[in-house]
Protein backbone atom coordinates (compact mmCIF):
# COMPACT_ATOMS: atom_id res chain seq x y z
CA MET A 1 0.53 -0.03 0.39
CA SER A 2 1.51 3.55 -1.31
CA ASN A 3 0.66 6.39 0.64
CA GLY A 4 -0.56 9.71 -0.61
CA ASN A 5 2.84 10.99 -1.39
CA ASP A 6 3.87 8.06 -4.35
CA TYR A 7 0.11 8.64 -5.77
CA GLN A 8 0.26 12.29 -6.17
CA GLN A 9 4.23 12.08 -7.89
CA ILE A 10 2.64 8.41 -9.73
CA SER A 11 -0.51 10.80 -10.84
CA TRP A 12 2.20 13.44 -12.00
CA SER A 13 4.17 11.43 -14.45
CA CYS A 14 0.71 10.07 -15.95
CA MET A 15 -1.26 13.60 -16.41
CA ASN A 16 -3.61 13.10 -19.81
CA LYS A 17 -2.84 9.54 -19.56
CA TYR A 18 -6.10 7.15 -19.52
CA VAL A 19 -5.56 5.50 -16.33
CA GLY A 20 -7.85 3.45 -13.80
CA ILE A 21 -8.11 4.01 -10.32
CA THR A 22 -9.96 1.78 -7.40
CA THR A 23 -10.92 2.84 -4.35
CA THR A 24 -10.77 2.26 -0.53
CA ASP A 25 -14.58 1.77 -0.62
CA GLY A 26 -13.96 -0.39 -3.68
CA GLN A 27 -15.48 1.93 -6.52
CA SER A 28 -13.64 2.40 -9.53
CA HIS A 29 -12.60 4.75 -12.31
CA ASP A 30 -10.97 5.62 -15.03
CA GLY A 31 -9.89 8.36 -17.00
CA PHE A 32 -7.55 10.54 -18.62
CA ILE A 33 -5.92 12.24 -15.80
CA ALA A 34 -6.88 16.39 -16.13
CA HIS A 35 -5.48 18.17 -12.50
CA VAL A 36 -3.13 17.08 -9.50
CA ASP A 37 -2.25 19.15 -7.29
CA GLN A 38 -1.76 18.31 -3.55
CA ASP A 39 -4.45 16.39 -1.85
CA TYR A 40 -6.87 15.40 -4.57
CA VAL A 41 -6.27 13.97 -8.52
CA THR A 42 -9.51 14.50 -10.68
CA LEU A 43 -10.33 12.83 -13.88
CA ALA A 44 -11.80 13.42 -17.27
CA VAL A 45 -14.35 10.68 -17.23
CA PRO A 46 -15.49 9.77 -20.56
CA THR A 47 -19.24 9.45 -21.48
CA ASN A 48 -21.46 8.64 -24.48
CA GLU A 49 -24.08 11.74 -24.15
CA MET A 50 -23.31 12.34 -28.02
CA VAL A 51 -23.90 8.60 -28.74
CA ASP A 52 -26.81 8.28 -27.06
CA ARG A 53 -28.61 11.20 -28.52
CA LEU A 54 -27.87 10.26 -31.78
CA SER A 55 -29.62 6.94 -31.11
CA GLY A 56 -32.70 8.26 -32.06
CA LEU A 57 -32.78 10.57 -35.29
CA PRO A 58 -34.20 10.94 -38.50
CA VAL A 59 -31.62 8.80 -40.73
CA GLN A 60 -30.83 11.43 -43.63
CA GLU A 61 -27.02 12.67 -42.76
CA SER A 62 -27.86 16.37 -43.28
CA THR A 63 -29.48 16.75 -40.13
CA TYR A 64 -26.00 15.13 -37.71
CA ARG A 65 -24.31 18.46 -39.22
CA GLN A 66 -25.57 19.63 -35.45
CA PHE A 67 -23.60 17.25 -33.70
CA GLY A 68 -20.69 17.58 -35.84
CA PHE A 69 -21.55 14.59 -37.74
CA HIS A 70 -20.19 14.22 -41.24
CA PRO A 71 -18.88 11.28 -42.95
CA GLY A 72 -15.42 10.24 -41.64
CA PHE A 73 -15.86 12.28 -38.18
CA PHE A 74 -17.77 11.50 -35.18
CA PRO A 75 -20.13 13.15 -32.40
CA ARG A 76 -16.98 14.46 -29.30
CA ARG A 77 -17.42 12.42 -26.00
CA ARG A 78 -17.86 14.39 -23.61
CA PHE A 79 -16.20 14.33 -19.88
CA PHE A 80 -16.82 14.94 -16.36
CA PHE A 81 -14.52 15.63 -13.65
CA ARG A 82 -14.17 12.97 -11.13
CA ARG A 83 -11.49 14.35 -8.10
CA ILE A 84 -10.65 11.77 -6.09
CA PRO A 85 -8.14 12.32 -2.55
CA PHE A 86 -4.73 10.51 -2.44
CA PHE A 87 -5.39 8.84 0.36
CA GLY A 88 -8.82 6.90 -1.02
CA ILE A 89 -7.04 5.07 -3.29
CA ARG A 90 -5.88 1.56 -3.01
CA ASP A 91 -5.00 0.72 -6.43
CA PHE A 92 -3.79 2.81 -9.72
CA PHE A 93 -2.78 1.70 -13.06
CA LEU A 94 -2.88 2.62 -17.09
CA LEU A 95 -5.18 1.59 -18.86
CA PRO A 96 -4.76 1.05 -22.76
CA PHE A 97 -6.33 3.79 -24.90
CA PHE A 98 -7.59 3.40 -28.79
CA ILE A 99 -9.33 5.72 -30.51
């Protein structure tokens, strides 16, 4: 088990990378490290909000333009931020990220 300072150093070295974190209460989080301070790491967690909005849209591609969807392009994913205290981290690991 590492202390908070070890996780802070690891977080700095993994800045802007896709990581997984398991907390001491058993919750699992994955996301990009967006910010690191003295006591917390902030993850940008991807969500499928824009992809879910497209599920009920008409078939004409011209109507997708407002969502940034053109042939060869996909809707942008949205992120929400999750702030996790270093003292609450049990496991910290890198995850593969494919586009």
